[in-house]
Amino acid sequence: YRQAPGKQRELVARITSGGRTNYADSVKGR
């Protein structure tokens, strides 16, 4: 997760025990 100044904490990335990944649209590809 990340929390920028003046903003709520947001989910950035997730990886399951099986290796499946998910990303926020703002960071996908980077």
PDB file of all heavy atoms in Angstrom:
ATOM      1  N   TYR A   1       0.842  -1.180   0.000  1.00  0.00           N
ATOM      2  CA  TYR A   1       0.000   0.000   0.000  1.00  0.00           C
ATOM      3  C   TYR A   1       0.884   1.239   0.000  1.00  0.00           C
ATOM      4  O   TYR A   1       2.083   1.167   0.289  1.00  0.00           O
ATOM      5  CB  TYR A   1      -0.889   0.049   1.247  1.00  0.00           C
ATOM      6  CG  TYR A   1      -2.012  -0.972   1.299  1.00  0.00           C
ATOM      7  CD1 TYR A   1      -1.753  -2.311   1.562  1.00  0.00           C
ATOM      8  CD2 TYR A   1      -3.336  -0.580   1.114  1.00  0.00           C
ATOM      9  CE1 TYR A   1      -2.780  -3.239   1.633  1.00  0.00           C
ATOM     10  CE2 TYR A   1      -4.370  -1.503   1.182  1.00  0.00           C
ATOM     11  CZ  TYR A   1      -4.087  -2.829   1.445  1.00  0.00           C
ATOM     12  OH  TYR A   1      -5.110  -3.743   1.517  1.00  0.00           O
ATOM     13  N   ARG A   2       0.289   2.404  -0.294  1.00  0.00           N
ATOM     14  CA  ARG A   2       1.006   3.659  -0.156  1.00  0.00           C
ATOM     15  C   ARG A   2       0.052   4.752   0.308  1.00  0.00           C
ATOM     16  O   ARG A   2      -1.157   4.679   0.079  1.00  0.00           O
ATOM     17  CB  ARG A   2       1.692   4.073  -1.456  1.00  0.00           C
ATOM     18  CG  ARG A   2       0.739   4.460  -2.583  1.00  0.00           C
ATOM     19  CD  ARG A   2       1.521   4.738  -3.858  1.00  0.00           C
ATOM     20  NE  ARG A   2       0.650   5.131  -4.952  1.00  0.00           N
ATOM     21  CZ  ARG A   2       1.060   5.290  -6.209  1.00  0.00           C
ATOM     22  NH1 ARG A   2       2.340   5.088  -6.528  1.00  0.00           N
ATOM     23  NH2 ARG A   2       0.192   5.661  -7.151  1.00  0.00           N
ATOM     24  N   GLN A   3       0.614   5.758   0.965  1.00  0.00           N
ATOM     25  CA  GLN A   3      -0.158   6.912   1.407  1.00  0.00           C
ATOM     26  C   GLN A   3       0.614   8.176   1.046  1.00  0.00           C
ATOM     27  O   GLN A   3       1.690   8.425   1.582  1.00  0.00           O
ATOM     28  CB  GLN A   3      -0.436   6.868   2.911  1.00  0.00           C
ATOM     29  CG  GLN A   3      -1.384   7.959   3.377  1.00  0.00           C
ATOM     30  CD  GLN A   3      -1.908   7.715   4.775  1.00  0.00           C
ATOM     31  OE1 GLN A   3      -1.256   7.061   5.592  1.00  0.00           O
ATOM     32  NE2 GLN A   3      -3.089   8.234   5.058  1.00  0.00           N
ATOM     33  N   ALA A   4       0.052   8.958   0.122  1.00  0.00           N
ATOM     34  CA  ALA A   4       0.639  10.213  -0.320  1.00  0.00           C
ATOM     35  C   ALA A   4       0.115  11.348   0.556  1.00  0.00           C
ATOM     36  O   ALA A   4      -0.936  11.219   1.193  1.00  0.00           O
ATOM     37  CB  ALA A   4       0.301  10.468  -1.781  1.00  0.00           C
ATOM     38  N   PRO A   5       0.828  12.488   0.589  1.00  0.00           N
ATOM     39  CA  PRO A   5       0.369  13.624   1.403  1.00  0.00           C
ATOM     40  C   PRO A   5      -1.058  14.040   1.052  1.00  0.00           C
ATOM     41  O   PRO A   5      -1.390  14.234  -0.121  1.00  0.00           O
ATOM     42  CB  PRO A   5       1.369  14.727   1.047  1.00  0.00           C
ATOM     43  CG  PRO A   5       2.602  14.000   0.637  1.00  0.00           C
ATOM     44  CD  PRO A   5       2.108  12.769  -0.078  1.00  0.00           C
ATOM     45  N   GLY A   6      -1.907  14.166   2.063  1.00  0.00           N
ATOM     46  CA  GLY A   6      -3.274  14.602   1.869  1.00  0.00           C
ATOM     47  C   GLY A   6      -4.208  13.577   1.258  1.00  0.00           C
ATOM     48  O   GLY A   6      -5.355  13.918   0.929  1.00  0.00           O
ATOM     49  N   LYS A   7      -3.765  12.333   1.096  1.00  0.00           N
ATOM     50  CA  LYS A   7      -4.583  11.298   0.479  1.00  0.00           C
ATOM     51  C   LYS A   7      -4.717  10.090   1.403  1.00  0.00           C
ATOM     52  O   LYS A   7      -3.927   9.903   2.318  1.00  0.00           O
ATOM     53  CB  LYS A   7      -3.988  10.857  -0.856  1.00  0.00           C
ATOM     54  CG  LYS A   7      -3.884  11.953  -1.895  1.00  0.00           C
ATOM     55  CD  LYS A   7      -3.340  11.432  -3.212  1.00  0.00           C
ATOM     56  CE  LYS A   7      -4.311  10.482  -3.888  1.00  0.00           C
ATOM     57  NZ  LYS A   7      -3.823  10.017  -5.207  1.00  0.00           N
ATOM     58  N   GLN A   8      -5.738   9.278   1.152  1.00  0.00           N
ATOM     59  CA  GLN A   8      -5.936   8.047   1.909  1.00  0.00           C
ATOM     60  C   GLN A   8      -4.960   6.977   1.449  1.00  0.00           C
ATOM     61  O   GLN A   8      -4.461   7.008   0.324  1.00  0.00           O
ATOM     62  CB  GLN A   8      -7.371   7.539   1.748  1.00  0.00           C
ATOM     63  CG  GLN A   8      -8.430   8.384   2.428  1.00  0.00           C
ATOM     64  CD  GLN A   8      -9.793   7.735   2.367  1.00  0.00           C
ATOM     65  OE1 GLN A   8     -10.317   7.480   1.283  1.00  0.00           O
ATOM     66  NE2 GLN A   8     -10.365   7.462   3.525  1.00  0.00           N
ATOM     67  N   ARG A   9      -4.696   6.017   2.317  1.00  0.00           N
ATOM     68  CA  ARG A   9      -3.850   4.885   1.966  1.00  0.00           C
ATOM     69  C   ARG A   9      -4.556   4.052   0.893  1.00  0.00           C
ATOM     70  O   ARG A   9      -5.746   3.771   0.994  1.00  0.00           O
ATOM     71  CB  ARG A   9      -3.565   4.052   3.219  1.00  0.00           C
ATOM     72  CG  ARG A   9      -2.540   2.962   3.028  1.00  0.00           C
ATOM     73  CD  ARG A   9      -1.675   2.768   4.261  1.00  0.00           C
ATOM     74  NE  ARG A   9      -2.420   2.802   5.506  1.00  0.00           N
ATOM     75  CZ  ARG A   9      -1.868   2.916   6.711  1.00  0.00           C
ATOM     76  NH1 ARG A   9      -0.544   3.031   6.821  1.00  0.00           N
ATOM     77  NH2 ARG A   9      -2.608   2.939   7.791  1.00  0.00           N
ATOM     78  N   GLU A  10      -3.806   3.651  -0.137  1.00  0.00           N
ATOM     79  CA  GLU A  10      -4.379   2.914  -1.249  1.00  0.00           C
ATOM     80  C   GLU A  10      -3.593   1.644  -1.534  1.00  0.00           C
ATOM     81  O   GLU A  10      -2.381   1.586  -1.344  1.00  0.00           O
ATOM     82  CB  GLU A  10      -4.431   3.777  -2.514  1.00  0.00           C
ATOM     83  CG  GLU A  10      -3.067   4.181  -3.044  1.00  0.00           C
ATOM     84  CD  GLU A  10      -3.123   4.896  -4.383  1.00  0.00           C
ATOM     85  OE1 GLU A  10      -4.116   4.728  -5.115  1.00  0.00           O
ATOM     86  OE2 GLU A  10      -2.164   5.629  -4.695  1.00  0.00           O
ATOM     87  N   LEU A  11      -4.287   0.629  -2.021  1.00  0.00           N
ATOM     88  CA  LEU A  11      -3.657  -0.622  -2.422  1.00  0.00           C
ATOM     89  C   LEU A  11      -2.897  -0.424  -3.722  1.00  0.00           C
ATOM     90  O   LEU A  11      -3.451   0.078  -4.702  1.00  0.00           O
ATOM     91  CB  LEU A  11      -4.714  -1.714  -2.590  1.00  0.00           C
ATOM     92  CG  LEU A  11      -4.224  -3.079  -3.072  1.00  0.00           C
ATOM     93  CD1 LEU A  11      -3.302  -3.718  -2.031  1.00  0.00           C
ATOM     94  CD2 LEU A  11      -5.402  -3.996  -3.364  1.00  0.00           C
ATOM     95  N   VAL A  12      -1.628  -0.833  -3.745  1.00  0.00           N
ATOM     96  CA  VAL A  12      -0.771  -0.684  -4.914  1.00  0.00           C
ATOM     97  C   VAL A  12      -0.596  -2.008  -5.644  1.00  0.00           C
ATOM     98  O   VAL A  12      -0.697  -2.064  -6.872  1.00  0.00           O
ATOM     99  CB  VAL A  12       0.610  -0.115  -4.517  1.00  0.00           C
ATOM    100  CG1 VAL A  12       1.560  -0.100  -5.713  1.00  0.00           C
ATOM    101  CG2 VAL A  12       0.454   1.280  -3.939  1.00  0.00           C
ATOM    102  N   ALA A  13      -0.311  -3.083  -4.901  1.00  0.00           N
ATOM    103  CA  ALA A  13      -0.034  -4.375  -5.515  1.00  0.00           C
ATOM    104  C   ALA A  13      -0.344  -5.495  -4.540  1.00  0.00           C
ATOM    105  O   ALA A  13      -0.288  -5.316  -3.329  1.00  0.00           O
ATOM    106  CB  ALA A  13       1.426  -4.461  -5.971  1.00  0.00           C
ATOM    107  N   ARG A  14      -0.639  -6.673  -5.084  1.00  0.00           N
ATOM    108  CA  ARG A  14      -0.997  -7.838  -4.278  1.00  0.00           C
ATOM    109  C   ARG A  14      -0.473  -9.085  -4.975  1.00  0.00           C
ATOM    110  O   ARG A  14      -0.547  -9.193  -6.203  1.00  0.00           O
ATOM    111  CB  ARG A  14      -2.519  -7.913  -4.113  1.00  0.00           C
ATOM    112  CG  ARG A  14      -3.067  -9.107  -3.353  1.00  0.00           C
ATOM    113  CD  ARG A  14      -4.583  -8.960  -3.207  1.00  0.00           C
ATOM    114  NE  ARG A  14      -5.193 -10.057  -2.471  1.00  0.00           N
ATOM    115  CZ  ARG A  14      -5.706 -11.147  -3.032  1.00  0.00           C
ATOM    116  NH1 ARG A  14      -5.685 -11.293  -4.350  1.00  0.00           N
ATOM    117  NH2 ARG A  14      -6.249 -12.090  -2.277  1.00  0.00           N
ATOM    118  N   ILE A  15       0.063 -10.029  -4.198  1.00  0.00           N
ATOM    119  CA  ILE A  15       0.497 -11.306  -4.740  1.00  0.00           C
ATOM    120  C   ILE A  15      -0.021 -12.413  -3.836  1.00  0.00           C
ATOM    121  O   ILE A  15       0.186 -12.399  -2.624  1.00  0.00           O
ATOM    122  CB  ILE A  15       2.034 -11.376  -4.915  1.00  0.00           C
ATOM    123  CG1 ILE A  15       2.437 -12.700  -5.570  1.00  0.00           C
ATOM    124  CG2 ILE A  15       2.762 -11.159  -3.601  1.00  0.00           C
ATOM    125  CD1 ILE A  15       3.880 -12.718  -6.062  1.00  0.00           C
ATOM    126  N   THR A  16      -0.719 -13.389  -4.411  1.00  0.00           N
ATOM    127  CA  THR A  16      -1.290 -14.488  -3.642  1.00  0.00           C
ATOM    128  C   THR A  16      -0.251 -15.569  -3.394  1.00  0.00           C
ATOM    129  O   THR A  16       0.826 -15.578  -3.988  1.00  0.00           O
ATOM    130  CB  THR A  16      -2.489 -15.102  -4.364  1.00  0.00           C
ATOM    131  OG1 THR A  16      -2.034 -15.802  -5.532  1.00  0.00           O
ATOM    132  CG2 THR A  16      -3.499 -14.040  -4.769  1.00  0.00           C
ATOM    133  N   SER A  17      -0.583 -16.505  -2.504  1.00  0.00           N
ATOM    134  CA  SER A  17       0.323 -17.616  -2.230  1.00  0.00           C
ATOM    135  C   SER A  17       0.562 -18.466  -3.471  1.00  0.00           C
ATOM    136  O   SER A  17       1.593 -19.132  -3.572  1.00  0.00           O
ATOM    137  CB  SER A  17      -0.232 -18.485  -1.099  1.00  0.00           C
ATOM    138  OG  SER A  17      -1.492 -19.035  -1.442  1.00  0.00           O
ATOM    139  N   GLY A  18      -0.368 -18.440  -4.420  1.00  0.00           N
ATOM    140  CA  GLY A  18      -0.215 -19.158  -5.669  1.00  0.00           C
ATOM    141  C   GLY A  18       0.497 -18.381  -6.756  1.00  0.00           C
ATOM    142  O   GLY A  18       0.692 -18.913  -7.856  1.00  0.00           O
ATOM    143  N   GLY A  19       0.879 -17.124  -6.477  1.00  0.00           N
ATOM    144  CA  GLY A  19       1.649 -16.332  -7.420  1.00  0.00           C
ATOM    145  C   GLY A  19       0.841 -15.413  -8.312  1.00  0.00           C
ATOM    146  O   GLY A  19       1.406 -14.735  -9.177  1.00  0.00           O
ATOM    147  N   ARG A  20      -0.462 -15.357  -8.130  1.00  0.00           N
ATOM    148  CA  ARG A  20      -1.287 -14.446  -8.927  1.00  0.00           C
ATOM    149  C   ARG A  20      -1.093 -13.018  -8.434  1.00  0.00           C
ATOM    150  O   ARG A  20      -1.050 -12.760  -7.235  1.00  0.00           O
ATOM    151  CB  ARG A  20      -2.753 -14.844  -8.839  1.00  0.00           C
ATOM    152  CG  ARG A  20      -3.661 -14.076  -9.790  1.00  0.00           C
ATOM    153  CD  ARG A  20      -5.077 -14.618  -9.784  1.00  0.00           C
ATOM    154  NE  ARG A  20      -5.767 -14.318  -8.532  1.00  0.00           N
ATOM    155  CZ  ARG A  20      -6.043 -15.210  -7.592  1.00  0.00           C
ATOM    156  NH1 ARG A  20      -5.693 -16.482  -7.758  1.00  0.00           N
ATOM    157  NH2 ARG A  20      -6.685 -14.842  -6.494  1.00  0.00           N
ATOM    158  N   THR A  21      -0.982 -12.051  -9.359  1.00  0.00           N
ATOM    159  CA  THR A  21      -0.713 -10.661  -9.007  1.00  0.00           C
ATOM    160  C   THR A  21      -1.823  -9.727  -9.465  1.00  0.00           C
ATOM    161  O   THR A  21      -2.529 -10.001 -10.441  1.00  0.00           O
ATOM    162  CB  THR A  21       0.615 -10.182  -9.606  1.00  0.00           C
ATOM    163  OG1 THR A  21       0.577 -10.318 -11.032  1.00  0.00           O
ATOM    164  CG2 THR A  21       1.773 -10.991  -9.046  1.00  0.00           C
ATOM    165  N   ASN A  22      -1.971  -8.611  -8.748  1.00  0.00           N
ATOM    166  CA  ASN A  22      -2.893  -7.543  -9.097  1.00  0.00           C
ATOM    167  C   ASN A  22      -2.212  -6.212  -8.825  1.00  0.00           C
ATOM    168  O   ASN A  22      -1.425  -6.097  -7.888  1.00  0.00           O
ATOM    169  CB  ASN A  22      -4.185  -7.625  -8.280  1.00  0.00           C
ATOM    170  CG  ASN A  22      -4.939  -8.916  -8.479  1.00  0.00           C
ATOM    171  OD1 ASN A  22      -4.778  -9.864  -7.719  1.00  0.00           O
ATOM    172  ND2 ASN A  22      -5.760  -8.962  -9.518  1.00  0.00           N
ATOM    173  N   TYR A  23      -2.533  -5.196  -9.641  1.00  0.00           N
ATOM    174  CA  TYR A  23      -1.928  -3.880  -9.510  1.00  0.00           C
ATOM    175  C   TYR A  23      -2.974  -2.792  -9.654  1.00  0.00           C
ATOM    176  O   TYR A  23      -3.957  -2.942 -10.386  1.00  0.00           O
ATOM    177  CB  TYR A  23      -0.859  -3.659 -10.577  1.00  0.00           C
ATOM    178  CG  TYR A  23       0.283  -4.635 -10.513  1.00  0.00           C
ATOM    179  CD1 TYR A  23       0.263  -5.799 -11.268  1.00  0.00           C
ATOM    180  CD2 TYR A  23       1.382  -4.387  -9.698  1.00  0.00           C
ATOM    181  CE1 TYR A  23       1.313  -6.704 -11.209  1.00  0.00           C
ATOM    182  CE2 TYR A  23       2.433  -5.288  -9.635  1.00  0.00           C
ATOM    183  CZ  TYR A  23       2.396  -6.446 -10.388  1.00  0.00           C
ATOM    184  OH  TYR A  23       3.442  -7.339 -10.329  1.00  0.00           O
ATOM    185  N   ALA A  24      -2.740  -1.676  -8.960  1.00  0.00           N
ATOM    186  CA  ALA A  24      -3.542  -0.492  -9.201  1.00  0.00           C
ATOM    187  C   ALA A  24      -3.304   0.003 -10.624  1.00  0.00           C
ATOM    188  O   ALA A  24      -2.197  -0.111 -11.155  1.00  0.00           O
ATOM    189  CB  ALA A  24      -3.184   0.602  -8.196  1.00  0.00           C
ATOM    190  N   ASP A  25      -4.338   0.557 -11.243  1.00  0.00           N
ATOM    191  CA  ASP A  25      -4.205   1.043 -12.614  1.00  0.00           C
ATOM    192  C   ASP A  25      -3.084   2.069 -12.763  1.00  0.00           C
ATOM    193  O   ASP A  25      -2.416   2.120 -13.798  1.00  0.00           O
ATOM    194  CB  ASP A  25      -5.517   1.651 -13.091  1.00  0.00           C
ATOM    195  CG  ASP A  25      -6.595   0.617 -13.354  1.00  0.00           C
ATOM    196  OD1 ASP A  25      -6.266  -0.574 -13.492  1.00  0.00           O
ATOM    197  OD2 ASP A  25      -7.778   1.006 -13.428  1.00  0.00           O
ATOM    198  N   SER A  26      -2.856   2.871 -11.729  1.00  0.00           N
ATOM    199  CA  SER A  26      -1.874   3.937 -11.799  1.00  0.00           C
ATOM    200  C   SER A  26      -0.434   3.436 -11.865  1.00  0.00           C
ATOM    201  O   SER A  26       0.457   4.189 -12.261  1.00  0.00           O
ATOM    202  CB  SER A  26      -2.029   4.878 -10.601  1.00  0.00           C
ATOM    203  OG  SER A  26      -1.872   4.175  -9.386  1.00  0.00           O
ATOM    204  N   VAL A  27      -0.185   2.180 -11.479  1.00  0.00           N
ATOM    205  CA  VAL A  27       1.178   1.645 -11.475  1.00  0.00           C
ATOM    206  C   VAL A  27       1.352   0.463 -12.414  1.00  0.00           C
ATOM    207  O   VAL A  27       2.484  -0.010 -12.597  1.00  0.00           O
ATOM    208  CB  VAL A  27       1.627   1.236 -10.056  1.00  0.00           C
ATOM    209  CG1 VAL A  27       1.408   2.371  -9.077  1.00  0.00           C
ATOM    210  CG2 VAL A  27       0.899  -0.020  -9.590  1.00  0.00           C
ATOM    211  N   LYS A  28       0.284  -0.011 -13.022  1.00  0.00           N
ATOM    212  CA  LYS A  28       0.348  -1.180 -13.891  1.00  0.00           C
ATOM    213  C   LYS A  28       1.317  -0.937 -15.042  1.00  0.00           C
ATOM    214  O   LYS A  28       1.271   0.099 -15.704  1.00  0.00           O
ATOM    215  CB  LYS A  28      -1.044  -1.517 -14.415  1.00  0.00           C
ATOM    216  CG  LYS A  28      -1.169  -2.894 -15.041  1.00  0.00           C
ATOM    217  CD  LYS A  28      -2.631  -3.234 -15.327  1.00  0.00           C
ATOM    218  CE  LYS A  28      -3.435  -3.337 -14.040  1.00  0.00           C
ATOM    219  NZ  LYS A  28      -4.852  -3.717 -14.286  1.00  0.00           N
ATOM    220  N   GLY A  29       2.205  -1.895 -15.268  1.00  0.00           N
ATOM    221  CA  GLY A  29       3.216  -1.772 -16.306  1.00  0.00           C
ATOM    222  C   GLY A  29       4.506  -1.140 -15.843  1.00  0.00           C
ATOM    223  O   GLY A  29       5.511  -1.213 -16.562  1.00  0.00           O
ATOM    224  N   ARG A  30       4.505  -0.515 -14.661  1.00  0.00           N
ATOM    225  CA  ARG A  30       5.698   0.122 -14.116  1.00  0.00           C
ATOM    226  C   ARG A  30       6.219  -0.576 -12.860  1.00  0.00           C
ATOM    227  O   ARG A  30       7.427  -0.606 -12.629  1.00  0.00           O
ATOM    228  CB  ARG A  30       5.420   1.586 -13.780  1.00  0.00           C
ATOM    229  CG  ARG A  30       4.998   2.425 -14.984  1.00  0.00           C
ATOM    230  CD  ARG A  30       4.927   3.913 -14.627  1.00  0.00           C
ATOM    231  NE  ARG A  30       3.914   4.183 -13.616  1.00  0.00           N
ATOM    232  CZ  ARG A  30       4.169   4.716 -12.424  1.00  0.00           C
ATOM    233  NH1 ARG A  30       5.415   5.053 -12.092  1.00  0.00           N
ATOM    234  NH2 ARG A  30       3.180   4.932 -11.562  1.00  0.00           N
TER     235      ARG A  30
END
